[in-house]
Amino acid sequence: MAVTAACLAALAATPASGHAAETRTASAPHVMMRQEKNYQVEVDNFSNQAFDEIALAFTRNSTPVTQILHQFNVPASSVIIFDLGPCSDVKQYAVSGLVGGERKFTTGDVDADPVGCDDIVTIRNTAALEMHRKVR
């Protein structure tokens, strides 16, 4: 009878799903932190010109040192993407295309858009350079 009472007591303490009861501890609520989006500059080479190098120079708000990113051997009709790091830290950038050490185009200094964080630089055969910001 004592064994039967112990078994009945154990069944009563087990939830209906058949799993052992959860042990809950007091802790801080779960906090999800969203990682900041990175600033990206997409260079669309829609021209028939291949470039030996596409260079992107940029500055950050957190440091006065200019950083330069390079993509070598960029063929005609290609797309490359530069990742500049956290949006809020990018201050300014400039994109240039070089062939044989000679600069064929440059955007000049472009102030970063801390809201959009995605820019597109389009190179066309007319030697005109277009710049677009993606609206999100």
Protein backbone atom coordinates (compact mmCIF):
# COMPACT_ATOMS: atom_id res chain seq x y z
CA MET A 1 0.00 0.00 0.00
CA ALA A 2 2.89 2.38 0.77
CA VAL A 3 4.39 1.62 -2.65
CA THR A 4 1.05 2.32 -4.36
CA ALA A 5 0.69 5.62 -2.50
CA ALA A 6 4.23 6.65 -3.53
CA CYS A 7 3.50 5.83 -7.19
CA LEU A 8 0.22 7.78 -7.10
CA ALA A 9 2.01 10.76 -5.52
CA ALA A 10 4.69 10.67 -8.25
CA LEU A 11 2.02 10.55 -10.99
CA ALA A 12 0.17 13.49 -9.46
CA ALA A 13 3.37 15.57 -9.49
CA THR A 14 4.08 14.79 -13.17
CA PRO A 15 2.44 17.09 -15.75
CA ALA A 16 -0.17 15.61 -18.07
CA SER A 17 2.30 15.59 -20.99
CA GLY A 18 4.28 12.93 -19.18
CA HIS A 19 7.41 15.07 -18.80
CA ALA A 20 8.98 15.97 -15.53
CA ALA A 21 8.00 19.37 -14.16
CA GLU A 22 10.22 22.27 -15.28
CA THR A 23 12.35 23.97 -12.73
CA ARG A 24 12.12 27.71 -13.18
CA THR A 25 14.59 30.14 -11.82
CA ALA A 26 14.25 33.86 -11.47
CA SER A 27 16.37 35.65 -14.04
CA ALA A 28 16.42 38.85 -16.06
CA PRO A 29 14.11 38.89 -19.05
CA HIS A 30 15.67 37.74 -22.30
CA VAL A 31 17.01 40.77 -24.16
CA MET A 32 17.64 40.55 -27.90
CA MET A 33 20.15 43.00 -29.25
CA ARG A 34 19.97 43.77 -32.93
CA GLN A 35 23.32 44.10 -34.63
CA GLU A 36 23.73 47.31 -36.60
CA LYS A 37 23.58 47.00 -40.37
CA ASN A 38 26.77 47.51 -42.37
CA TYR A 39 27.18 50.26 -44.93
CA GLN A 40 27.53 48.83 -48.43
CA VAL A 41 28.55 50.52 -51.65
CA GLU A 42 27.71 48.57 -54.80
CA VAL A 43 29.66 49.46 -57.94
CA ASP A 44 27.87 48.43 -61.14
CA ASN A 45 30.22 48.45 -64.11
CA PHE A 46 27.66 48.60 -66.92
CA SER A 47 30.29 49.94 -69.31
CA ASN A 48 32.32 48.02 -71.87
CA GLN A 49 35.46 49.11 -70.00
CA ALA A 50 37.37 46.66 -67.80
CA PHE A 51 39.23 48.19 -64.86
CA ASP A 52 42.56 47.12 -63.42
CA GLU A 53 41.31 48.36 -60.08
CA ILE A 54 38.27 49.87 -58.41
CA ALA A 55 39.34 51.62 -55.22
CA LEU A 56 37.10 52.91 -52.47
CA ALA A 57 38.58 55.32 -49.91
CA PHE A 58 36.50 56.05 -46.82
CA THR A 59 36.63 57.72 -43.45
CA ARG A 60 34.90 56.78 -40.23
CA ASN A 61 33.50 58.97 -37.50
CA SER A 62 35.50 56.97 -34.94
CA THR A 63 38.92 57.51 -36.54
CA PRO A 64 40.43 60.23 -38.73
CA VAL A 65 42.51 57.75 -40.75
CA THR A 66 41.36 57.16 -44.34
CA GLN A 67 40.99 53.49 -45.22
CA ILE A 68 41.20 52.15 -48.77
CA LEU A 69 39.55 49.01 -50.12
CA HIS A 70 40.50 47.58 -53.52
CA GLN A 71 38.96 45.22 -56.03
CA PHE A 72 41.38 44.24 -58.78
CA ASN A 73 40.64 43.05 -62.35
CA VAL A 74 37.05 44.24 -62.60
CA PRO A 75 35.64 43.11 -65.97
CA ALA A 76 33.07 45.00 -68.03
CA SER A 77 29.44 44.29 -67.11
CA SER A 78 30.22 43.28 -63.54
CA VAL A 79 29.05 44.21 -60.06
CA ILE A 80 31.18 44.46 -56.93
CA ILE A 81 30.16 45.30 -53.37
CA PHE A 82 32.27 47.01 -50.73
CA ASP A 83 31.35 46.50 -47.07
CA LEU A 84 32.41 49.54 -45.01
CA GLY A 85 31.36 48.38 -41.56
CA PRO A 86 28.67 49.75 -39.22
CA CYS A 87 26.41 52.37 -40.85
CA SER A 88 26.62 54.96 -38.11
CA ASP A 89 30.43 54.95 -38.21
CA VAL A 90 30.89 55.70 -41.95
CA LYS A 91 31.46 59.40 -42.59
CA GLN A 92 32.48 59.78 -46.25
CA TYR A 93 33.71 57.75 -49.20
CA ALA A 94 34.97 58.11 -52.77
CA VAL A 95 35.13 55.49 -55.53
CA SER A 96 37.67 55.55 -58.38
CA GLY A 97 38.36 53.31 -61.36
CA LEU A 98 41.91 52.85 -62.66
CA VAL A 99 43.34 51.46 -65.87
CA GLY A 100 47.11 51.30 -66.35
CA GLY A 101 47.60 53.45 -63.26
CA GLU A 102 45.43 56.22 -64.74
CA ARG A 103 42.20 57.23 -63.02
CA LYS A 104 39.30 56.86 -65.48
CA PHE A 105 36.55 58.03 -63.13
CA THR A 106 35.91 59.16 -59.58
CA THR A 107 32.80 59.95 -57.59
CA GLY A 108 34.54 62.63 -55.58
CA ASP A 109 33.73 62.78 -51.88
CA VAL A 110 30.30 61.39 -51.03
CA ASP A 111 28.80 62.03 -47.60
CA ALA A 112 27.54 58.78 -46.12
CA ASP A 113 23.82 58.34 -45.57
CA PRO A 114 23.45 57.00 -42.01
CA VAL A 115 19.83 56.01 -42.66
CA GLY A 116 19.97 54.28 -46.05
CA CYS A 117 23.39 52.61 -45.70
CA ASP A 118 23.24 51.19 -49.24
CA ASP A 119 24.57 53.19 -52.18
CA ILE A 120 24.96 52.22 -55.82
CA VAL A 121 27.57 53.73 -58.12
CA THR A 122 26.83 52.98 -61.78
CA ILE A 123 29.50 53.26 -64.48
CA ARG A 124 28.23 53.61 -68.05
CA ASN A 125 29.96 53.97 -71.45
CA THR A 126 29.17 57.67 -71.67
CA ALA A 127 31.82 58.40 -69.03
CA ALA A 128 28.96 59.73 -66.94
CA LEU A 129 28.81 58.38 -63.43
CA GLU A 130 25.51 57.81 -61.70
CA MET A 131 24.98 57.45 -58.01
CA HIS A 132 21.87 56.05 -56.32
CA ARG A 133 20.86 55.47 -52.76
CA LYS A 134 18.58 52.56 -52.00
CA VAL A 135 15.57 53.67 -50.01
CA ARG A 136 14.52 51.18 -47.35
